[in-house]
Amino acid sequence: MNSEPATPLLDTVKTPDDLRKLAPSQLRQLSDELRAEMMAVTSVQVSAWSN
């Protein structure tokens, strides 16, 4: 099972200039993807610490 969230828009952002190229309508999707990625990473780290 793959626990990593799908982040197709976030995966395209490599530099600050990539962020500037996004349409304002894409920013909500980007923030949702970033939030999901952060939650996935921190939940794995917390699980590792609790063992």
C-alpha atoms as a PDB file:
ATOM      1  CA  MET A   1       0.000   0.000   0.000  1.00  0.00           C
ATOM      2  CA  ASN A   2       1.317   3.421  -0.960  1.00  0.00           C
ATOM      3  CA  SER A   3       0.784   5.912   1.871  1.00  0.00           C
ATOM      4  CA  GLU A   4       2.097   8.898  -0.062  1.00  0.00           C
ATOM      5  CA  PRO A   5      -0.613  11.306  -1.184  1.00  0.00           C
ATOM      6  CA  ALA A   6      -1.018  12.196  -4.848  1.00  0.00           C
ATOM      7  CA  THR A   7       0.590  15.587  -5.416  1.00  0.00           C
ATOM      8  CA  PRO A   8       0.644  16.193  -9.175  1.00  0.00           C
ATOM      9  CA  LEU A   9       0.759  19.985  -8.926  1.00  0.00           C
ATOM     10  CA  LEU A  10       3.220  20.103  -6.042  1.00  0.00           C
ATOM     11  CA  ASP A  11       5.507  17.758  -7.964  1.00  0.00           C
ATOM     12  CA  THR A  12       5.843  20.379 -10.716  1.00  0.00           C
ATOM     13  CA  VAL A  13       7.142  23.068  -8.339  1.00  0.00           C
ATOM     14  CA  LYS A  14      10.930  23.044  -8.139  1.00  0.00           C
ATOM     15  CA  THR A  15      11.769  26.763  -7.904  1.00  0.00           C
ATOM     16  CA  PRO A  16      10.089  29.980  -6.756  1.00  0.00           C
ATOM     17  CA  ASP A  17       9.594  30.854 -10.417  1.00  0.00           C
ATOM     18  CA  ASP A  18       7.459  27.720 -10.797  1.00  0.00           C
ATOM     19  CA  LEU A  19       5.166  29.091  -8.088  1.00  0.00           C
ATOM     20  CA  ARG A  20       4.860  32.410  -9.897  1.00  0.00           C
ATOM     21  CA  LYS A  21       3.726  30.613 -13.050  1.00  0.00           C
ATOM     22  CA  LEU A  22       0.729  29.037 -11.326  1.00  0.00           C
ATOM     23  CA  ALA A  23      -2.696  30.487 -11.928  1.00  0.00           C
ATOM     24  CA  PRO A  24      -4.457  31.889  -8.864  1.00  0.00           C
ATOM     25  CA  SER A  25      -7.077  29.163  -9.279  1.00  0.00           C
ATOM     26  CA  GLN A  26      -4.356  26.513  -8.772  1.00  0.00           C
ATOM     27  CA  LEU A  27      -3.168  27.846  -5.414  1.00  0.00           C
ATOM     28  CA  ARG A  28      -5.905  26.114  -3.414  1.00  0.00           C
ATOM     29  CA  GLN A  29      -5.002  22.766  -4.972  1.00  0.00           C
ATOM     30  CA  LEU A  30      -1.324  23.435  -4.270  1.00  0.00           C
ATOM     31  CA  SER A  31      -2.007  24.235  -0.626  1.00  0.00           C
ATOM     32  CA  ASP A  32      -4.162  21.101  -0.262  1.00  0.00           C
ATOM     33  CA  GLU A  33      -1.391  18.963  -1.749  1.00  0.00           C
ATOM     34  CA  LEU A  34       1.259  20.582   0.438  1.00  0.00           C
ATOM     35  CA  ARG A  35      -0.864  20.010   3.537  1.00  0.00           C
ATOM     36  CA  ALA A  36      -1.418  16.347   2.614  1.00  0.00           C
ATOM     37  CA  GLU A  37       2.312  15.846   2.003  1.00  0.00           C
ATOM     38  CA  MET A  38       3.228  17.423   5.340  1.00  0.00           C
ATOM     39  CA  MET A  39       0.659  15.299   7.183  1.00  0.00           C
ATOM     40  CA  ALA A  40       1.973  12.123   5.552  1.00  0.00           C
ATOM     41  CA  VAL A  41       5.595  12.921   6.427  1.00  0.00           C
ATOM     42  CA  THR A  42       4.901  13.927  10.013  1.00  0.00           C
ATOM     43  CA  SER A  43       2.639  10.935  10.674  1.00  0.00           C
ATOM     44  CA  VAL A  44       5.430   8.579   9.545  1.00  0.00           C
ATOM     45  CA  GLN A  45       7.949  10.384  11.752  1.00  0.00           C
ATOM     46  CA  VAL A  46       5.642  10.296  14.788  1.00  0.00           C
ATOM     47  CA  SER A  47       5.008   6.587  14.250  1.00  0.00           C
ATOM     48  CA  ALA A  48       8.743   5.921  14.147  1.00  0.00           C
ATOM     49  CA  TRP A  49       9.298   7.842  17.384  1.00  0.00           C
ATOM     50  CA  SER A  50       6.532   6.022  19.242  1.00  0.00           C
ATOM     51  CA  ASN A  51       7.987   2.550  18.601  1.00  0.00           C
END
